[in-house]
């Protein structure tokens, strides 16, 4: 990552620090049956963007970062369609949350053999 870029991604440092703490915790509890499964949300979001049309997110690739809320008008308008990936510029829409949850279930099944 280029120097200074992490400042433009406010959650990046938090998530990296959290990942380190989780790995430390797992190392401390490796013999007591504790299993921590990490999910790479950057990879998951990239996967969702690539298969967005099959998920019913009919958004052109050059507009996937466009949020459902239009803050350029007052009061802000909220879209009525469900083709957006991002609700407010930060948070995923319901369809994307479902895709993330499905990905988490698949990951847990694969890692924990459930």
Protein backbone atom coordinates (compact mmCIF):
# COMPACT_ATOMS: atom_id res chain seq x y z
CA UNK A 1 0.00 0.00 0.00
CA UNK A 2 1.46 3.40 -0.93
CA UNK A 3 2.50 5.62 2.00
CA UNK A 4 -0.38 7.68 3.35
CA UNK A 5 -3.08 5.64 1.65
CA UNK A 6 -4.19 4.01 4.91
CA UNK A 7 -5.36 7.44 6.10
CA UNK A 8 -7.97 7.44 3.34
CA UNK A 9 -9.36 4.12 4.54
CA UNK A 10 -10.45 4.87 8.12
CA UNK A 11 -11.28 1.29 9.07
CA UNK A 12 -8.08 -0.24 7.71
CA UNK A 13 -5.83 0.28 10.76
CA UNK A 14 -8.62 -0.81 13.10
CA UNK A 15 -9.23 -4.00 11.13
CA UNK A 16 -5.52 -4.81 10.85
CA UNK A 17 -5.04 -4.29 14.61
CA UNK A 18 -8.09 -6.44 15.33
CA UNK A 19 -6.76 -9.20 13.06
CA UNK A 20 -3.43 -9.19 14.91
CA UNK A 21 -5.22 -9.40 18.29
CA UNK A 22 -7.35 -12.31 17.07
CA UNK A 23 -4.29 -14.18 15.84
CA UNK A 24 -2.54 -13.54 19.18
CA UNK A 25 -5.62 -14.84 21.01
CA UNK A 26 -5.75 -17.97 18.88
CA UNK A 27 -2.03 -18.62 19.45
CA UNK A 28 -2.59 -18.37 23.21
CA UNK A 29 -5.54 -20.77 23.07
CA UNK A 30 -4.34 -23.20 20.40
CA UNK A 31 -4.55 -26.19 22.72
CA UNK A 32 -7.97 -25.53 24.26
CA UNK A 33 -10.01 -26.11 21.11
CA UNK A 34 -10.56 -22.44 20.24
CA UNK A 35 -10.76 -21.80 16.51
CA UNK A 36 -10.90 -18.33 15.01
CA UNK A 37 -11.81 -18.04 11.35
CA UNK A 38 -10.94 -14.75 9.66
CA UNK A 39 -12.84 -13.55 6.61
CA UNK A 40 -11.15 -11.15 4.19
CA UNK A 41 -13.86 -8.59 3.47
CA UNK A 42 -11.80 -6.89 0.77
CA UNK A 43 -11.75 -10.16 -1.17
CA UNK A 44 -15.44 -10.78 -0.41
CA UNK A 45 -16.45 -7.31 -1.63
CA UNK A 46 -14.37 -7.80 -4.79
CA UNK A 47 -16.15 -11.11 -5.38
CA UNK A 48 -19.54 -9.46 -4.85
CA UNK A 49 -18.65 -6.68 -7.30
CA UNK A 50 -17.60 -9.24 -9.92
CA UNK A 51 -20.78 -11.29 -9.55
CA UNK A 52 -23.10 -8.38 -8.75
CA UNK A 53 -25.53 -9.06 -11.59
CA UNK A 54 -26.15 -12.64 -10.45
CA UNK A 55 -26.97 -11.21 -7.00
CA UNK A 56 -29.54 -8.82 -8.46
CA UNK A 57 -27.26 -5.80 -8.10
CA UNK A 58 -27.62 -4.44 -11.62
CA UNK A 59 -25.09 -1.62 -11.20
CA UNK A 60 -22.55 -0.79 -13.93
CA UNK A 61 -18.98 -1.47 -12.82
CA UNK A 62 -18.03 2.20 -13.02
CA UNK A 63 -20.80 3.04 -10.50
CA UNK A 64 -20.43 0.32 -7.87
CA UNK A 65 -19.14 2.85 -5.32
CA UNK A 66 -22.21 5.06 -5.80
CA UNK A 67 -24.34 5.02 -2.67
CA UNK A 68 -28.09 4.66 -2.50
CA UNK A 69 -28.38 7.98 -0.64
CA UNK A 70 -27.94 11.11 -2.75
CA UNK A 71 -26.45 13.71 -0.41
CA UNK A 72 -26.14 16.33 -3.16
CA UNK A 73 -29.76 17.39 -2.62
CA UNK A 74 -31.42 18.70 0.51
CA UNK A 75 -32.92 16.79 2.14
CA UNK A 76 -30.91 13.78 0.94
CA UNK A 77 -32.90 11.44 -1.27
CA UNK A 78 -32.93 7.70 -0.79
CA UNK A 79 -33.12 5.42 -3.79
CA UNK A 80 -36.10 3.15 -4.18
CA UNK A 81 -34.35 0.49 -6.24
CA UNK A 82 -32.26 -2.29 -4.76
CA UNK A 83 -29.42 -2.38 -7.27
CA UNK A 84 -26.84 -0.52 -5.15
CA UNK A 85 -24.01 -2.20 -3.28
CA UNK A 86 -23.49 0.59 -0.76
CA UNK A 87 -26.22 2.26 1.29
CA UNK A 88 -24.60 5.48 2.54
CA UNK A 89 -21.07 5.50 1.19
CA UNK A 90 -19.82 3.13 3.90
CA UNK A 91 -22.37 0.48 4.80
CA UNK A 92 -23.48 -2.37 2.52
CA UNK A 93 -27.08 -2.71 1.38
CA UNK A 94 -29.30 -5.61 2.46
CA UNK A 95 -28.43 -7.73 -0.60
CA UNK A 96 -24.71 -7.24 0.02
CA UNK A 97 -25.12 -8.09 3.72
CA UNK A 98 -26.83 -11.33 2.66
CA UNK A 99 -24.02 -12.14 0.21
CA UNK A 100 -21.44 -11.48 2.97
CA UNK A 101 -23.38 -13.69 5.39
CA UNK A 102 -23.60 -16.47 2.79
CA UNK A 103 -19.84 -16.16 2.24
CA UNK A 104 -19.23 -16.38 5.99
CA UNK A 105 -21.35 -19.53 6.26
CA UNK A 106 -19.46 -21.11 3.34
CA UNK A 107 -16.12 -20.18 4.93
CA UNK A 108 -17.12 -21.61 8.31
CA UNK A 109 -18.36 -24.82 6.70
CA UNK A 110 -15.10 -25.21 4.80
CA UNK A 111 -12.82 -24.40 7.74
CA UNK A 112 -14.75 -26.14 10.49
CA UNK A 113 -16.09 -28.98 8.33
CA UNK A 114 -19.68 -28.42 9.47
